[in-house]
Amino acid sequence: MEQTAPATGIASITDRQRVMLLFSAVAGHALKHMFNAAFFVILPEMKTSLGLSNTEVGALSTVRNIAGGLSNLPAGFAADRFSAQRAKILAISMTLVGLFAMTLGLATNFAMALVAAALLSVAITFWHPAAISTLSRVFASRRGFAIAMHGTGGSIGEAGGPILVGLLLGVLSWRVVLQGSVLPGIACGLLVWLLLRPIPTGEGAAPSFLSFVKAMGRLLSTRRLLLILLFAGGFAGGQSAILTFLPVYLREEVGVSSWTLGLYLALANVGGIVSQPVMGYLSDRLSRKVVLVPSLAGLGLSVLGLYVSSPGIVFAMMVLLMGVFLFPLMAILLAAAVDLVEGAVQATTISLVFGSAVVFSGFTPAIAGMVADAFSVKAVFLLAASIILATAFLAFVTPWQAAKVRRG
């Protein structure tokens, strides 16, 4: 049952500050995901330039996932422990994203790319617990919608990023694109700090490290939360396999240009811009399960459609349909997890949901790379669809929702 107590400072937030908080979180998330999308558009170019095999490409994505997943725990603790400093946490996270993207652009071999990609993933990770837990506190009665709006920013970034990067790759090398990313990263970090610094975050009592460890123990003994973590892992495993090898398939086996590749990856996120707030609203009004199960099934079937269809209109429609479900699912999983916990550990809970990708799906891209080398890159779609559909079935047959969720 949700037991969210009013947090200190929430009552003093004005409607204008709420709007500014939501706008800043959505806009910052959009830019963060432009960096994230750039990685996957640049990946085929990096593969060619550094002479990587499909297995090494999968390993690169796996290490990136593991680094990001492991850093969720300190990110969640930092967001809960220093809740009054969340504006600084978000600003530093964005600045480091730009700096580590530049570092990746300086890589000259597989080992350097591995380290830089891992550090970039760590910097990206520190955004989520601080931003989402703050929105969850301030918009407690509209949690699903607020988190989904934050996710919509991610969809906008993932849709716009591939187009922008695809255009840039037509005139610049992948190294120059990444090295130039340091400027928008630093600028956005400064802007986020200036906009959010005056806004109360509704922080509660700062937990000590011991209380954090005890809270982690309580959370990990909650059966319903463990099921949600399992669903998040299954979803993330399928998602990471798709995002890693869809660009490789389109670039190498279909032979599209960097610009066309950017359009395809943008198409994979356009649907989520509209569907995400709608699904978040419906999950608040109806239930998380009513929205989550059909969305997982729809995602799995659309990925299966990628496997059975040939390049062309039908394939593009499957990419678009996949995008309708890709980002809303994580927002719903996050809202479902926070429904189960007390307000003081919301950031920790959010970090667990993101971190579950390490436990359940950290090695999925590496496995997918071996599948691609042994069979074909397109066979990865079948692997991803199987994982996601199995997750949908498990979410359908098990009880995992909070006993009671407050509706606004």
Protein backbone atom coordinates (compact mmCIF):
# COMPACT_ATOMS: atom_id res chain seq x y z
CA MET A 1 0.00 0.00 0.00
CA GLU A 2 1.28 3.44 -0.78
CA GLN A 3 2.19 5.39 2.33
CA THR A 4 3.46 8.65 0.94
CA ALA A 5 3.52 11.23 3.65
CA PRO A 6 3.54 14.92 2.84
CA ALA A 7 7.14 15.90 2.44
CA THR A 8 8.70 19.06 3.80
CA GLY A 9 8.52 21.94 1.38
CA ILE A 10 5.88 20.58 -1.02
CA ALA A 11 3.12 22.83 0.32
CA SER A 12 5.28 25.90 -0.34
CA ILE A 13 5.73 25.15 -4.05
CA THR A 14 3.68 27.45 -6.24
CA ASP A 15 1.90 26.34 -9.39
CA ARG A 16 4.40 28.34 -11.43
CA GLN A 17 7.28 26.50 -9.77
CA ARG A 18 5.60 23.15 -10.41
CA VAL A 19 5.36 24.00 -14.11
CA MET A 20 9.00 25.14 -14.16
CA LEU A 21 10.09 21.94 -12.42
CA LEU A 22 8.20 19.79 -14.90
CA PHE A 23 9.48 21.80 -17.88
CA SER A 24 13.10 21.63 -16.69
CA ALA A 25 12.91 17.90 -16.01
CA VAL A 26 11.34 17.19 -19.41
CA ALA A 27 13.75 19.46 -21.32
CA GLY A 28 16.82 18.13 -19.52
CA HIS A 29 15.70 14.56 -20.09
CA ALA A 30 15.23 15.36 -23.79
CA LEU A 31 18.82 16.56 -24.15
CA LYS A 32 20.16 13.63 -22.13
CA HIS A 33 18.45 11.23 -24.50
CA MET A 34 19.77 13.09 -27.52
CA PHE A 35 23.21 12.05 -26.23
CA ASN A 36 21.91 8.52 -25.66
CA ALA A 37 20.46 8.33 -29.18
CA ALA A 38 23.71 9.64 -30.64
CA PHE A 39 25.54 6.60 -29.28
CA PHE A 40 23.40 4.16 -31.27
CA VAL A 41 23.52 6.18 -34.52
CA ILE A 42 27.29 6.54 -34.20
CA LEU A 43 27.78 2.87 -33.23
CA PRO A 44 27.95 1.50 -36.82
CA GLU A 45 30.48 4.23 -37.75
CA MET A 46 32.51 3.46 -34.65
CA LYS A 47 32.35 -0.26 -35.47
CA THR A 48 33.84 0.36 -38.93
CA SER A 49 36.41 2.91 -37.76
CA LEU A 50 37.71 0.77 -34.86
CA GLY A 51 37.30 -2.54 -36.71
CA LEU A 52 34.91 -4.11 -34.18
CA SER A 53 33.11 -7.44 -34.58
CA ASN A 54 29.40 -7.88 -33.74
CA THR A 55 30.46 -9.61 -30.52
CA GLU A 56 32.58 -6.59 -29.56
CA VAL A 57 29.69 -4.25 -30.40
CA GLY A 58 27.48 -6.33 -28.12
CA ALA A 59 30.15 -6.29 -25.40
CA LEU A 60 30.39 -2.51 -25.70
CA SER A 61 26.66 -2.17 -25.12
CA THR A 62 26.75 -4.73 -22.29
CA VAL A 63 29.53 -2.91 -20.40
CA ARG A 64 27.62 0.31 -20.93
CA ASN A 65 24.50 -1.28 -19.42
CA ILE A 66 26.39 -2.78 -16.48
CA ALA A 67 28.16 0.48 -15.64
CA GLY A 68 24.89 2.40 -15.77
CA GLY A 69 23.03 -0.23 -13.79
CA LEU A 70 25.60 -0.51 -11.00
CA SER A 71 25.76 3.27 -10.64
CA ASN A 72 22.00 3.37 -9.98
CA LEU A 73 22.52 2.42 -6.33
CA PRO A 74 24.88 5.31 -5.47
CA ALA A 75 22.72 7.59 -7.64
CA GLY A 76 19.61 6.63 -5.66
CA PHE A 77 21.40 7.04 -2.33
CA ALA A 78 22.77 10.45 -3.36
CA ALA A 79 19.31 11.64 -4.47
CA ASP A 80 17.73 10.55 -1.15
CA ARG A 81 20.66 11.57 1.09
CA PHE A 82 21.18 14.99 -0.52
CA SER A 83 17.59 15.64 -1.57
CA ALA A 84 17.96 19.39 -0.92
CA GLN A 85 20.81 19.45 -3.48
CA ARG A 86 19.01 17.77 -6.36
CA ALA A 87 19.44 20.80 -8.62
CA LYS A 88 23.22 20.42 -8.26
CA ILE A 89 23.04 16.65 -8.84
CA LEU A 90 21.08 17.15 -12.07
CA ALA A 91 23.40 19.94 -13.25
CA ILE A 92 26.56 17.91 -12.57
CA SER A 93 25.03 14.86 -14.27
CA MET A 94 24.29 16.81 -17.44
CA THR A 95 27.73 18.43 -17.49
CA LEU A 96 29.49 15.08 -17.12
CA VAL A 97 27.38 13.62 -19.94
CA GLY A 98 28.88 16.21 -22.28
CA LEU A 99 32.42 15.66 -20.98
CA PHE A 100 32.31 11.86 -21.30
CA ALA A 101 30.72 12.05 -24.75
CA MET A 102 33.75 14.10 -25.76
CA THR A 103 36.00 11.42 -24.21
CA LEU A 104 34.28 8.73 -26.28
CA GLY A 105 35.00 10.81 -29.37
CA LEU A 106 38.70 10.66 -28.51
CA ALA A 107 38.79 6.82 -28.32
CA THR A 108 41.22 5.15 -30.72
CA ASN A 109 40.67 1.49 -29.80
CA PHE A 110 38.10 -0.89 -28.31
CA ALA A 111 39.40 -0.61 -24.73
CA MET A 112 39.25 3.20 -24.72
CA ALA A 113 35.77 3.14 -26.22
CA LEU A 114 34.69 0.65 -23.57
CA VAL A 115 35.82 2.87 -20.68
CA ALA A 116 34.42 6.07 -22.20
CA ALA A 117 31.05 4.47 -22.99
CA ALA A 118 30.85 3.15 -19.43
CA LEU A 119 31.58 6.57 -17.91
CA LEU A 120 29.02 8.19 -20.23
CA SER A 121 26.41 5.70 -19.04
CA VAL A 122 27.24 6.43 -15.39
CA ALA A 123 26.78 10.17 -15.94
CA ILE A 124 23.44 9.58 -17.67
CA THR A 125 22.27 7.34 -14.81
CA PHE A 126 22.61 10.02 -12.11
CA TRP A 127 19.84 12.05 -13.78
CA HIS A 128 16.97 9.59 -13.30
CA PRO A 129 16.67 9.03 -9.51
CA ALA A 130 16.99 12.73 -8.65
CA ALA A 131 14.61 13.97 -11.37
CA ILE A 132 11.95 11.26 -11.16
CA SER A 133 11.77 11.09 -7.36
CA THR A 134 11.34 14.87 -7.18
CA LEU A 135 8.49 14.73 -9.70
CA SER A 136 6.98 11.79 -7.80
CA ARG A 137 6.91 13.79 -4.57
CA VAL A 138 5.64 17.05 -6.02
CA PHE A 139 3.01 15.37 -8.25
CA ALA A 140 2.08 12.52 -5.86
CA SER A 141 -1.57 12.30 -6.96
CA ARG A 142 -0.62 12.42 -10.66
CA ARG A 143 2.54 10.35 -10.41
CA GLY A 144 2.02 8.22 -13.50
CA PHE A 145 1.32 11.26 -15.65
CA ALA A 146 4.25 13.30 -14.29
CA ILE A 147 6.75 10.46 -14.75
CA ALA A 148 5.34 9.80 -18.22
CA MET A 149 5.77 13.49 -19.13
CA HIS A 150 9.39 13.22 -17.99
CA GLY A 151 9.68 10.18 -20.24
CA THR A 152 8.14 12.13 -23.10
CA GLY A 153 11.17 14.39 -22.95
CA GLY A 154 13.27 11.27 -23.44
CA SER A 155 11.16 10.30 -26.46
CA ILE A 156 11.60 13.76 -27.96
CA GLY A 157 15.36 13.50 -27.49
CA GLU A 158 15.48 9.97 -28.91
CA ALA A 159 13.41 11.09 -31.90
CA GLY A 160 15.28 14.31 -32.62
CA GLY A 161 18.75 13.03 -31.75
CA PRO A 162 19.07 10.46 -34.56
CA ILE A 163 17.95 12.99 -37.19
CA LEU A 164 20.38 15.62 -35.94
CA VAL A 165 23.27 13.18 -35.61
CA GLY A 166 22.47 11.58 -38.97
CA LEU A 167 22.68 15.00 -40.61
CA LEU A 168 25.92 15.84 -38.80
CA LEU A 169 27.50 12.54 -39.82
CA GLY A 170 26.87 13.52 -43.43
CA VAL A 171 29.37 16.37 -43.09
CA LEU A 172 31.42 15.55 -39.96
CA SER A 173 33.17 12.48 -38.59
CA TRP A 174 31.70 10.63 -35.63
CA ARG A 175 34.66 11.81 -33.55
CA VAL A 176 33.95 15.49 -34.20
CA VAL A 177 30.23 15.02 -33.41
CA LEU A 178 31.01 13.46 -30.04
CA GLN A 179 33.80 15.89 -29.18
CA GLY A 180 31.51 18.84 -29.93
CA SER A 181 28.90 17.47 -27.51
CA VAL A 182 30.79 18.93 -24.58
CA LEU A 183 29.44 22.43 -25.28
CA PRO A 184 25.68 21.72 -25.11
CA GLY A 185 26.30 19.43 -22.12
CA ILE A 186 27.97 22.15 -20.05
CA ALA A 187 25.47 24.82 -21.17
CA CYS A 188 22.47 22.66 -20.24
CA GLY A 189 24.00 21.73 -16.89
CA LEU A 190 24.38 25.40 -15.98
CA LEU A 191 20.84 26.22 -17.15
CA VAL A 192 19.29 23.36 -15.15
CA TRP A 193 21.06 24.54 -12.01
CA LEU A 194 19.91 28.15 -12.46
CA LEU A 195 16.28 27.15 -13.12
CA LEU A 196 15.87 24.56 -10.37
CA ARG A 197 17.94 26.10 -7.60
CA PRO A 198 15.08 28.33 -6.26
CA ILE A 199 12.44 25.56 -6.33
CA PRO A 200 11.74 23.55 -3.13
CA THR A 201 11.98 19.81 -3.82
CA GLY A 202 9.79 18.58 -0.98
CA GLU A 203 12.69 16.76 0.61
CA GLY A 204 12.22 14.63 3.71
CA ALA A 205 14.73 13.67 6.38
CA ALA A 206 18.08 12.74 4.85
CA PRO A 207 18.77 9.04 5.42
CA SER A 208 22.11 7.85 6.75
CA PHE A 209 24.05 5.16 4.93
CA LEU A 210 22.92 2.59 7.54
CA SER A 211 19.26 3.52 7.09
CA PHE A 212 19.80 3.36 3.33
CA VAL A 213 21.14 -0.20 3.63
CA LYS A 214 18.21 -1.18 5.87
CA ALA A 215 15.75 0.38 3.41
CA MET A 216 17.38 -1.57 0.59
CA GLY A 217 16.91 -4.76 2.59
CA ARG A 218 13.23 -4.01 3.17
CA LEU A 219 12.69 -3.18 -0.49
CA LEU A 220 14.39 -6.35 -1.69
CA SER A 221 12.20 -8.45 0.61
CA THR A 222 9.01 -7.06 -0.96
CA ARG A 223 7.67 -9.73 -3.33
CA ARG A 224 5.60 -7.33 -5.43
CA LEU A 225 8.56 -5.01 -5.93
CA LEU A 226 10.80 -7.94 -6.90
CA LEU A 227 8.30 -8.88 -9.60
CA ILE A 228 8.34 -5.31 -10.95
CA LEU A 229 12.15 -5.42 -10.98
CA LEU A 230 11.93 -8.67 -12.96
CA PHE A 231 9.57 -7.06 -15.47
CA ALA A 232 11.92 -4.06 -15.77
CA GLY A 233 14.84 -6.41 -16.40
CA GLY A 234 12.98 -8.34 -19.10
CA PHE A 235 11.87 -5.15 -20.80
CA ALA A 236 15.35 -3.59 -20.60
CA GLY A 237 16.99 -6.76 -21.93
CA GLY A 238 14.83 -6.80 -25.04
CA GLN A 239 15.16 -3.03 -25.47
CA SER A 240 18.96 -3.02 -25.25
CA ALA A 241 19.27 -5.83 -27.80
CA ILE A 242 17.01 -3.96 -30.23
CA LEU A 243 18.66 -0.56 -29.82
CA THR A 244 22.15 -2.05 -30.20
CA PHE A 245 21.55 -4.09 -33.36
CA LEU A 246 18.72 -2.31 -35.21
CA PRO A 247 21.24 0.36 -36.39
CA VAL A 248 23.77 -2.34 -37.35
CA TYR A 249 21.11 -4.25 -39.32
CA LEU A 250 19.92 -1.15 -41.18
CA ARG A 251 23.43 0.12 -41.90
CA GLU A 252 25.17 -3.14 -42.88
CA GLU A 253 22.50 -5.54 -44.14
CA VAL A 254 20.00 -3.07 -45.60
CA GLY A 255 22.64 -0.52 -46.61
CA VAL A 256 20.88 2.70 -45.58
CA SER A 257 22.77 5.99 -45.21
CA SER A 258 23.50 7.61 -41.83
CA TRP A 259 20.72 10.10 -42.56
CA THR A 260 18.18 7.36 -43.31
CA LEU A 261 19.33 5.44 -40.24
CA GLY A 262 18.64 8.55 -38.17
CA LEU A 263 15.13 8.74 -39.62
CA TYR A 264 14.45 5.10 -38.72
CA LEU A 265 15.63 5.60 -35.14
CA ALA A 266 13.61 8.80 -34.87
CA LEU A 267 10.58 6.86 -36.11
CA ALA A 268 11.14 4.40 -33.27
CA ASN A 269 10.46 7.21 -30.81
CA VAL A 270 7.88 9.45 -32.48
CA GLY A 271 4.98 7.30 -31.31
CA GLY A 272 6.17 7.50 -27.71
CA ILE A 273 5.92 11.29 -27.66
CA VAL A 274 2.13 11.00 -27.89
CA SER A 275 1.53 7.63 -26.25
CA GLN A 276 3.61 8.22 -23.13
CA PRO A 277 1.49 10.89 -21.37
CA VAL A 278 -1.69 9.09 -22.50
CA MET A 279 -0.55 5.78 -21.02
CA GLY A 280 0.67 7.49 -17.86
CA TYR A 281 -2.71 9.18 -17.41
CA LEU A 282 -4.57 5.91 -18.02
CA SER A 283 -2.37 4.06 -15.54
CA ASP A 284 -3.29 6.69 -12.91
CA ARG A 285 -7.02 6.45 -13.66
CA LEU A 286 -7.33 2.72 -14.33
CA SER A 287 -4.42 0.64 -13.07
CA ARG A 288 -0.77 0.03 -13.87
CA LYS A 289 -1.46 -3.58 -14.90
CA VAL A 290 -4.23 -2.68 -17.35
CA VAL A 291 -1.74 -0.56 -19.26
CA LEU A 292 1.52 -2.46 -18.68
CA VAL A 293 0.54 -5.94 -19.88
CA PRO A 294 -0.93 -4.92 -23.27
CA SER A 295 2.01 -2.53 -23.80
CA LEU A 296 4.58 -5.29 -23.21
CA ALA A 297 2.66 -7.59 -25.53
CA GLY A 298 2.40 -4.87 -28.18
CA LEU A 299 6.13 -4.20 -27.98
CA GLY A 300 6.99 -7.89 -28.27
CA LEU A 301 4.72 -8.39 -31.27
CA SER A 302 6.06 -5.30 -33.05
CA VAL A 303 9.65 -6.54 -32.57
CA LEU A 304 8.56 -9.92 -33.90
CA GLY A 305 7.20 -7.97 -36.87
CA LEU A 306 10.70 -6.63 -37.51
CA TYR A 307 11.95 -10.20 -37.78
CA VAL A 308 9.28 -11.43 -40.23
CA SER A 309 9.09 -8.34 -42.47
CA SER A 310 11.43 -7.20 -45.22
CA PRO A 311 12.89 -3.68 -45.40
CA GLY A 312 10.27 -1.27 -46.69
CA ILE A 313 6.94 0.23 -45.65
CA VAL A 314 5.87 -2.69 -43.43
CA PHE A 315 9.24 -2.73 -41.65
CA ALA A 316 9.02 1.04 -41.08
CA MET A 317 5.49 0.65 -39.67
CA MET A 318 6.75 -2.00 -37.26
CA VAL A 319 9.49 0.40 -36.11
CA LEU A 320 6.86 3.10 -35.56
CA LEU A 321 4.58 0.71 -33.65
CA MET A 322 7.51 -0.43 -31.52
CA GLY A 323 8.13 3.20 -30.56
CA VAL A 324 4.57 3.58 -29.26
CA PHE A 325 5.46 1.20 -26.41
CA LEU A 326 9.23 1.55 -26.00
CA PHE A 327 9.41 4.54 -23.63
CA PRO A 328 5.98 4.47 -21.89
CA LEU A 329 6.76 1.06 -20.41
CA MET A 330 9.59 2.29 -18.18
CA ALA A 331 7.47 5.19 -16.91
CA ILE A 332 4.68 2.80 -15.92
CA LEU A 333 7.14 0.40 -14.26
CA LEU A 334 8.63 3.27 -12.25
CA ALA A 335 5.20 4.50 -11.12
CA ALA A 336 4.18 0.96 -10.17
CA ALA A 337 7.33 0.53 -8.06
CA VAL A 338 6.97 3.87 -6.27
CA ASP A 339 3.33 3.01 -5.49
CA LEU A 340 4.68 0.31 -3.16
CA VAL A 341 7.04 2.37 -1.01
CA GLU A 342 7.20 5.22 1.45
CA GLY A 343 8.25 8.65 0.24
CA ALA A 344 11.65 8.67 1.96
CA VAL A 345 13.09 5.95 -0.30
CA GLN A 346 11.51 6.85 -3.62
CA ALA A 347 14.84 7.70 -5.29
CA THR A 348 16.31 4.44 -3.99
CA THR A 349 13.34 2.53 -5.40
CA ILE A 350 13.74 4.26 -8.77
CA SER A 351 17.43 3.35 -8.77
CA LEU A 352 16.51 -0.29 -8.10
CA VAL A 353 14.15 -0.35 -11.08
CA PHE A 354 16.83 1.01 -13.40
CA GLY A 355 19.52 -1.11 -11.76
CA SER A 356 17.53 -4.31 -12.28
CA ALA A 357 18.64 -4.11 -15.91
CA VAL A 358 22.10 -5.20 -14.72
CA VAL A 359 20.85 -8.26 -12.84
CA PHE A 360 18.46 -9.50 -15.49
CA SER A 361 19.62 -8.03 -18.78
CA GLY A 362 23.16 -6.70 -18.48
CA PHE A 363 24.54 -9.40 -20.75
CA THR A 364 21.71 -9.40 -23.29
CA PRO A 365 23.57 -7.27 -25.90
CA ALA A 366 26.63 -9.53 -25.63
CA ILE A 367 24.44 -12.61 -26.10
CA ALA A 368 22.70 -10.84 -28.98
CA GLY A 369 26.10 -10.13 -30.54
CA MET A 370 26.99 -13.82 -30.43
CA VAL A 371 23.60 -14.65 -31.98
CA ALA A 372 24.27 -12.09 -34.73
CA ASP A 373 27.71 -13.56 -35.48
CA ALA A 374 26.43 -17.16 -35.38
CA PHE A 375 23.23 -16.63 -37.40
CA SER A 376 22.40 -13.12 -38.60
CA VAL A 377 21.86 -9.66 -37.18
CA LYS A 378 18.15 -10.00 -37.88
CA ALA A 379 17.98 -13.05 -35.58
CA VAL A 380 18.51 -10.62 -32.69
CA PHE A 381 14.94 -9.36 -33.23
CA LEU A 382 13.61 -12.85 -32.58
CA LEU A 383 15.64 -13.09 -29.37
CA ALA A 384 14.40 -9.70 -28.16
CA ALA A 385 10.76 -10.48 -29.01
CA SER A 386 10.93 -13.76 -27.07
CA ILE A 387 12.27 -12.02 -23.95
CA ILE A 388 9.64 -9.27 -24.04
CA LEU A 389 6.68 -11.59 -24.72
CA ALA A 390 7.77 -13.87 -21.87
CA THR A 391 7.85 -10.80 -19.61
CA ALA A 392 4.34 -9.80 -20.74
CA PHE A 393 3.02 -13.26 -19.88
CA LEU A 394 4.61 -13.16 -16.42
CA ALA A 395 3.18 -9.69 -15.75
CA PHE A 396 -0.28 -10.99 -16.73
CA VAL A 397 -0.36 -14.08 -14.51
CA THR A 398 1.23 -12.68 -11.32
CA PRO A 399 -0.18 -10.25 -8.69
CA TRP A 400 2.20 -7.30 -8.35
CA GLN A 401 0.21 -4.07 -8.09
CA ALA A 402 0.04 -2.01 -4.89
CA ALA A 403 -2.97 -2.95 -2.79
CA LYS A 404 -4.18 0.62 -2.95
CA VAL A 405 -2.95 3.51 -5.06
CA ARG A 406 -3.99 7.07 -4.37
CA ARG A 407 -5.71 8.68 -7.34
CA GLY A 408 -5.85 12.40 -7.94
